[in-house]
Amino acid sequence: MARSRHPTPEEVSQLLRNAELRDELEPFYDESISLVNVRDLPVAVENEFLASMLAWEMAPVLPIYRWFDPELRPPRPETLNDHDLHEILWDVIYKLYEKRIVLDFTDHLSDRELYCLIYRDILPAREKKIDNRKTYLHWDCAQAGGDPEVWLRYYASEEERRAWAETYRQPLPPQGMPPHKRRLPTEPE
């Protein structure tokens, strides 16, 4: 005689949470949800995925400077001498990191150029503020101007450079070492 297995209280709790999450996500349902085959995942992992989707959908879109209390409003770049700018730059970098904002590909920029990029482009950018300790917003500082030359020159691997050249059929800039090496905080692995 076959014995039937009864779900554990944890399994029941996970199934109930799954139903709640699916109900809350119903107004946002679109093809992006159906593209992921969550049925192959354990219910706890599926719930984590659904919760992250719900957090994304419910997150407010705010200028990054408003993610802070008080708002992060550093001094205008032109009002700072190089020494003060350096100190304030690193303070702002660490504050951004506290909000899980990681600055990628910055070594081609001087301190002043990076500070200006943060001041003029990053802080006023409207982004979804997701309160999830596992989520990081990566800001690609090499693509800030929309020109791939900086990335190709300083950051792309040989394989990435070859693929880009084949795709776009344009000459590659010479490779170089970025002039301003920094050790910025990164997303934990």
C-alpha atoms as a PDB file:
ATOM      1  CA  MET A   1       0.000   0.000   0.000  1.00  0.00           C
ATOM      2  CA  ALA A   2       1.391   3.395  -1.006  1.00  0.00           C
ATOM      3  CA  ARG A   3       1.855   5.974   1.696  1.00  0.00           C
ATOM      4  CA  SER A   4       0.847   9.523   0.921  1.00  0.00           C
ATOM      5  CA  ARG A   5       3.230  12.264   1.962  1.00  0.00           C
ATOM      6  CA  HIS A   6       1.812  15.231   3.795  1.00  0.00           C
ATOM      7  CA  PRO A   7       3.379  18.645   3.189  1.00  0.00           C
ATOM      8  CA  THR A   8       5.356  20.143   6.026  1.00  0.00           C
ATOM      9  CA  PRO A   9       4.158  23.391   7.634  1.00  0.00           C
ATOM     10  CA  GLU A  10       7.024  25.192   5.842  1.00  0.00           C
ATOM     11  CA  GLU A  11       5.905  23.818   2.455  1.00  0.00           C
ATOM     12  CA  VAL A  12       2.328  24.931   3.126  1.00  0.00           C
ATOM     13  CA  SER A  13       3.573  28.369   4.154  1.00  0.00           C
ATOM     14  CA  GLN A  14       5.640  28.631   0.951  1.00  0.00           C
ATOM     15  CA  LEU A  15       2.653  27.615  -1.198  1.00  0.00           C
ATOM     16  CA  LEU A  16       0.410  30.182   0.502  1.00  0.00           C
ATOM     17  CA  ARG A  17       3.062  32.880   0.003  1.00  0.00           C
ATOM     18  CA  ASN A  18       3.324  31.845  -3.645  1.00  0.00           C
ATOM     19  CA  ALA A  19      -0.404  32.360  -4.121  1.00  0.00           C
ATOM     20  CA  GLU A  20      -0.218  35.778  -2.415  1.00  0.00           C
ATOM     21  CA  LEU A  21       2.668  36.892  -4.627  1.00  0.00           C
ATOM     22  CA  ARG A  22       0.929  35.708  -7.789  1.00  0.00           C
ATOM     23  CA  ASP A  23      -2.245  37.595  -6.790  1.00  0.00           C
ATOM     24  CA  GLU A  24      -0.247  40.779  -6.127  1.00  0.00           C
ATOM     25  CA  LEU A  25       1.574  40.434  -9.466  1.00  0.00           C
ATOM     26  CA  GLU A  26      -1.593  39.840 -11.501  1.00  0.00           C
ATOM     27  CA  PRO A  27      -2.076  43.537 -12.469  1.00  0.00           C
ATOM     28  CA  PHE A  28       1.478  43.614 -13.808  1.00  0.00           C
ATOM     29  CA  TYR A  29       1.350  40.377 -15.754  1.00  0.00           C
ATOM     30  CA  ASP A  30       2.950  40.575 -19.176  1.00  0.00           C
ATOM     31  CA  GLU A  31       5.135  38.451 -21.439  1.00  0.00           C
ATOM     32  CA  SER A  32       8.236  39.037 -19.299  1.00  0.00           C
ATOM     33  CA  ILE A  33       6.670  36.999 -16.504  1.00  0.00           C
ATOM     34  CA  SER A  34       5.677  34.162 -18.822  1.00  0.00           C
ATOM     35  CA  LEU A  35       9.184  33.950 -20.346  1.00  0.00           C
ATOM     36  CA  VAL A  36      10.607  32.548 -17.097  1.00  0.00           C
ATOM     37  CA  ASN A  37       9.724  28.932 -16.417  1.00  0.00           C
ATOM     38  CA  VAL A  38       9.298  29.130 -12.662  1.00  0.00           C
ATOM     39  CA  ARG A  39       7.697  25.679 -12.523  1.00  0.00           C
ATOM     40  CA  ASP A  40      11.175  24.124 -12.647  1.00  0.00           C
ATOM     41  CA  LEU A  41      12.197  26.013  -9.506  1.00  0.00           C
ATOM     42  CA  PRO A  42      11.624  24.997  -5.889  1.00  0.00           C
ATOM     43  CA  VAL A  43       8.727  27.020  -4.459  1.00  0.00           C
ATOM     44  CA  ALA A  44      11.004  28.983  -2.105  1.00  0.00           C
ATOM     45  CA  VAL A  45      13.216  30.068  -5.029  1.00  0.00           C
ATOM     46  CA  GLU A  46      10.162  30.888  -7.135  1.00  0.00           C
ATOM     47  CA  ASN A  47       8.822  32.997  -4.274  1.00  0.00           C
ATOM     48  CA  GLU A  48      12.111  34.906  -4.067  1.00  0.00           C
ATOM     49  CA  PHE A  49      11.923  35.557  -7.820  1.00  0.00           C
ATOM     50  CA  LEU A  50       8.267  36.648  -7.658  1.00  0.00           C
ATOM     51  CA  ALA A  51       8.990  38.892  -4.653  1.00  0.00           C
ATOM     52  CA  SER A  52      11.822  40.582  -6.587  1.00  0.00           C
ATOM     53  CA  MET A  53       9.480  41.145  -9.541  1.00  0.00           C
ATOM     54  CA  LEU A  54       6.853  42.644  -7.247  1.00  0.00           C
ATOM     55  CA  ALA A  55       9.473  44.891  -5.626  1.00  0.00           C
ATOM     56  CA  TRP A  56      10.472  46.092  -9.111  1.00  0.00           C
ATOM     57  CA  GLU A  57       6.888  46.825 -10.102  1.00  0.00           C
ATOM     58  CA  MET A  58       6.081  48.646  -6.864  1.00  0.00           C
ATOM     59  CA  ALA A  59       9.331  50.623  -6.591  1.00  0.00           C
ATOM     60  CA  PRO A  60       9.039  54.388  -6.925  1.00  0.00           C
ATOM     61  CA  VAL A  61      10.953  56.100  -9.710  1.00  0.00           C
ATOM     62  CA  LEU A  62      12.959  58.912  -8.124  1.00  0.00           C
ATOM     63  CA  PRO A  63      16.016  60.988  -8.934  1.00  0.00           C
ATOM     64  CA  ILE A  64      18.918  59.243  -7.218  1.00  0.00           C
ATOM     65  CA  TYR A  65      19.700  62.285  -5.066  1.00  0.00           C
ATOM     66  CA  ARG A  66      16.258  61.773  -3.468  1.00  0.00           C
ATOM     67  CA  TRP A  67      17.116  58.220  -2.402  1.00  0.00           C
ATOM     68  CA  PHE A  68      18.937  59.842   0.532  1.00  0.00           C
ATOM     69  CA  ASP A  69      17.650  61.480   3.700  1.00  0.00           C
ATOM     70  CA  PRO A  70      18.614  64.261   3.614  1.00  0.00           C
ATOM     71  CA  GLU A  71      18.866  64.498  -0.152  1.00  0.00           C
ATOM     72  CA  LEU A  72      22.377  63.997  -1.518  1.00  0.00           C
ATOM     73  CA  ARG A  73      23.265  67.439  -2.881  1.00  0.00           C
ATOM     74  CA  PRO A  74      27.051  67.819  -3.087  1.00  0.00           C
ATOM     75  CA  PRO A  75      28.610  71.180  -4.026  1.00  0.00           C
ATOM     76  CA  ARG A  76      28.751  72.240  -7.664  1.00  0.00           C
ATOM     77  CA  PRO A  77      31.999  71.009  -9.262  1.00  0.00           C
ATOM     78  CA  GLU A  78      33.170  74.459 -10.342  1.00  0.00           C
ATOM     79  CA  THR A  79      33.103  75.693  -6.728  1.00  0.00           C
ATOM     80  CA  LEU A  80      35.647  73.105  -5.525  1.00  0.00           C
ATOM     81  CA  ASN A  81      39.422  73.054  -5.609  1.00  0.00           C
ATOM     82  CA  ASP A  82      41.069  69.734  -6.506  1.00  0.00           C
ATOM     83  CA  HIS A  83      41.764  68.676  -2.905  1.00  0.00           C
ATOM     84  CA  ASP A  84      38.209  69.332  -1.661  1.00  0.00           C
ATOM     85  CA  LEU A  85      36.736  67.754  -4.782  1.00  0.00           C
ATOM     86  CA  HIS A  86      38.752  64.565  -4.183  1.00  0.00           C
ATOM     87  CA  GLU A  87      37.527  64.312  -0.580  1.00  0.00           C
ATOM     88  CA  ILE A  88      33.891  64.983  -1.463  1.00  0.00           C
ATOM     89  CA  LEU A  89      34.074  62.617  -4.460  1.00  0.00           C
ATOM     90  CA  TRP A  90      35.027  59.677  -2.269  1.00  0.00           C
ATOM     91  CA  ASP A  91      32.386  60.592   0.284  1.00  0.00           C
ATOM     92  CA  VAL A  92      29.751  60.589  -2.483  1.00  0.00           C
ATOM     93  CA  ILE A  93      31.063  57.296  -3.937  1.00  0.00           C
ATOM     94  CA  TYR A  94      30.648  55.597  -0.560  1.00  0.00           C
ATOM     95  CA  LYS A  95      27.213  57.122  -0.035  1.00  0.00           C
ATOM     96  CA  LEU A  96      26.129  55.827  -3.441  1.00  0.00           C
ATOM     97  CA  TYR A  97      27.449  52.400  -2.522  1.00  0.00           C
ATOM     98  CA  GLU A  98      25.444  52.452   0.724  1.00  0.00           C
ATOM     99  CA  LYS A  99      22.365  52.701  -1.530  1.00  0.00           C
ATOM    100  CA  ARG A 100      23.747  49.783  -3.588  1.00  0.00           C
ATOM    101  CA  ILE A 101      24.848  51.919  -6.534  1.00  0.00           C
ATOM    102  CA  VAL A 102      28.087  50.655  -8.057  1.00  0.00           C
ATOM    103  CA  LEU A 103      30.127  52.797 -10.428  1.00  0.00           C
ATOM    104  CA  ASP A 104      31.710  50.687 -13.166  1.00  0.00           C
ATOM    105  CA  PHE A 105      34.488  51.658 -15.595  1.00  0.00           C
ATOM    106  CA  THR A 106      35.713  54.891 -14.003  1.00  0.00           C
ATOM    107  CA  ASP A 107      39.477  54.596 -14.434  1.00  0.00           C
ATOM    108  CA  HIS A 108      39.556  56.654 -17.639  1.00  0.00           C
ATOM    109  CA  LEU A 109      38.078  59.661 -15.818  1.00  0.00           C
ATOM    110  CA  SER A 110      39.968  62.158 -13.672  1.00  0.00           C
ATOM    111  CA  ASP A 111      38.512  62.882 -10.241  1.00  0.00           C
ATOM    112  CA  ARG A 112      36.940  66.069 -11.587  1.00  0.00           C
ATOM    113  CA  GLU A 113      35.447  64.290 -14.609  1.00  0.00           C
ATOM    114  CA  LEU A 114      34.017  61.537 -12.409  1.00  0.00           C
ATOM    115  CA  TYR A 115      32.633  64.053  -9.939  1.00  0.00           C
ATOM    116  CA  CYS A 116      30.989  65.984 -12.797  1.00  0.00           C
ATOM    117  CA  LEU A 117      29.497  62.750 -14.164  1.00  0.00           C
ATOM    118  CA  ILE A 118      28.034  61.911 -10.756  1.00  0.00           C
ATOM    119  CA  TYR A 119      26.813  65.467 -10.189  1.00  0.00           C
ATOM    120  CA  ARG A 120      25.288  66.056 -13.638  1.00  0.00           C
ATOM    121  CA  ASP A 121      24.230  62.586 -14.796  1.00  0.00           C
ATOM    122  CA  ILE A 122      23.923  60.091 -11.956  1.00  0.00           C
ATOM    123  CA  LEU A 123      22.385  62.034  -9.075  1.00  0.00           C
ATOM    124  CA  PRO A 124      19.568  63.574 -11.169  1.00  0.00           C
ATOM    125  CA  ALA A 125      18.868  60.294 -13.035  1.00  0.00           C
ATOM    126  CA  ARG A 126      15.413  58.896 -12.333  1.00  0.00           C
ATOM    127  CA  GLU A 127      15.710  55.226 -11.360  1.00  0.00           C
ATOM    128  CA  LYS A 128      13.568  52.675  -9.574  1.00  0.00           C
ATOM    129  CA  LYS A 129      14.482  52.639  -5.891  1.00  0.00           C
ATOM    130  CA  ILE A 130      14.269  48.993  -4.933  1.00  0.00           C
ATOM    131  CA  ASP A 131      14.661  48.162  -1.263  1.00  0.00           C
ATOM    132  CA  ASN A 132      16.281  44.772  -1.703  1.00  0.00           C
ATOM    133  CA  ARG A 133      19.628  44.055  -0.074  1.00  0.00           C
ATOM    134  CA  LYS A 134      20.577  41.742  -2.969  1.00  0.00           C
ATOM    135  CA  THR A 135      19.969  44.248  -5.769  1.00  0.00           C
ATOM    136  CA  TYR A 136      22.649  46.610  -7.050  1.00  0.00           C
ATOM    137  CA  LEU A 137      22.346  49.345  -9.635  1.00  0.00           C
ATOM    138  CA  HIS A 138      25.428  49.376 -11.850  1.00  0.00           C
ATOM    139  CA  TRP A 139      26.267  52.673 -13.531  1.00  0.00           C
ATOM    140  CA  ASP A 140      28.386  52.202 -16.645  1.00  0.00           C
ATOM    141  CA  CYS A 141      30.661  55.257 -16.631  1.00  0.00           C
ATOM    142  CA  ALA A 142      32.363  54.206 -19.884  1.00  0.00           C
ATOM    143  CA  GLN A 143      29.129  54.511 -21.859  1.00  0.00           C
ATOM    144  CA  ALA A 144      28.008  57.799 -20.301  1.00  0.00           C
ATOM    145  CA  GLY A 145      28.336  59.680 -23.589  1.00  0.00           C
ATOM    146  CA  GLY A 146      26.921  56.859 -25.694  1.00  0.00           C
ATOM    147  CA  ASP A 147      30.219  56.446 -27.567  1.00  0.00           C
ATOM    148  CA  PRO A 148      31.691  52.915 -27.319  1.00  0.00           C
ATOM    149  CA  GLU A 149      35.259  54.153 -27.925  1.00  0.00           C
ATOM    150  CA  VAL A 150      36.090  54.517 -24.211  1.00  0.00           C
ATOM    151  CA  TRP A 151      34.911  51.001 -23.404  1.00  0.00           C
ATOM    152  CA  LEU A 152      36.692  49.573 -26.458  1.00  0.00           C
ATOM    153  CA  ARG A 153      39.930  51.435 -25.690  1.00  0.00           C
ATOM    154  CA  TYR A 154      40.214  50.740 -21.957  1.00  0.00           C
ATOM    155  CA  TYR A 155      37.883  47.989 -20.793  1.00  0.00           C
ATOM    156  CA  ALA A 156      36.877  45.552 -23.555  1.00  0.00           C
ATOM    157  CA  SER A 157      38.644  42.222 -23.818  1.00  0.00           C
ATOM    158  CA  GLU A 158      40.266  41.202 -27.108  1.00  0.00           C
ATOM    159  CA  GLU A 159      37.311  38.909 -27.764  1.00  0.00           C
ATOM    160  CA  GLU A 160      34.813  41.730 -27.118  1.00  0.00           C
ATOM    161  CA  ARG A 161      36.801  44.073 -29.353  1.00  0.00           C
ATOM    162  CA  ARG A 162      36.853  41.530 -32.204  1.00  0.00           C
ATOM    163  CA  ALA A 163      33.113  40.871 -31.867  1.00  0.00           C
ATOM    164  CA  TRP A 164      32.380  44.620 -31.904  1.00  0.00           C
ATOM    165  CA  ALA A 165      34.559  45.147 -34.991  1.00  0.00           C
ATOM    166  CA  GLU A 166      32.812  42.268 -36.815  1.00  0.00           C
ATOM    167  CA  THR A 167      29.344  43.519 -35.874  1.00  0.00           C
ATOM    168  CA  TYR A 168      29.834  47.206 -36.650  1.00  0.00           C
ATOM    169  CA  ARG A 169      32.528  46.950 -39.331  1.00  0.00           C
ATOM    170  CA  GLN A 170      34.358  49.986 -37.996  1.00  0.00           C
ATOM    171  CA  PRO A 171      37.999  50.422 -37.011  1.00  0.00           C
ATOM    172  CA  LEU A 172      38.877  49.839 -33.386  1.00  0.00           C
ATOM    173  CA  PRO A 173      40.618  52.468 -31.273  1.00  0.00           C
ATOM    174  CA  PRO A 174      44.019  51.390 -29.966  1.00  0.00           C
ATOM    175  CA  GLN A 175      43.954  49.648 -26.598  1.00  0.00           C
ATOM    176  CA  GLY A 176      45.313  51.569 -23.670  1.00  0.00           C
ATOM    177  CA  MET A 177      45.648  51.557 -19.911  1.00  0.00           C
ATOM    178  CA  PRO A 178      43.186  53.823 -18.131  1.00  0.00           C
ATOM    179  CA  PRO A 179      45.107  56.719 -16.549  1.00  0.00           C
ATOM    180  CA  HIS A 180      43.302  56.924 -13.186  1.00  0.00           C
ATOM    181  CA  LYS A 181      43.318  53.565 -11.397  1.00  0.00           C
ATOM    182  CA  ARG A 182      40.787  53.397  -8.560  1.00  0.00           C
ATOM    183  CA  ARG A 183      39.579  50.711  -6.199  1.00  0.00           C
ATOM    184  CA  LEU A 184      35.899  51.514  -5.917  1.00  0.00           C
ATOM    185  CA  PRO A 185      33.479  49.456  -3.855  1.00  0.00           C
ATOM    186  CA  THR A 186      31.936  46.648  -5.889  1.00  0.00           C
ATOM    187  CA  GLU A 187      28.973  44.339  -5.613  1.00  0.00           C
ATOM    188  CA  PRO A 188      29.787  41.456  -3.265  1.00  0.00           C
ATOM    189  CA  GLU A 189      30.210  38.130  -5.014  1.00  0.00           C
END
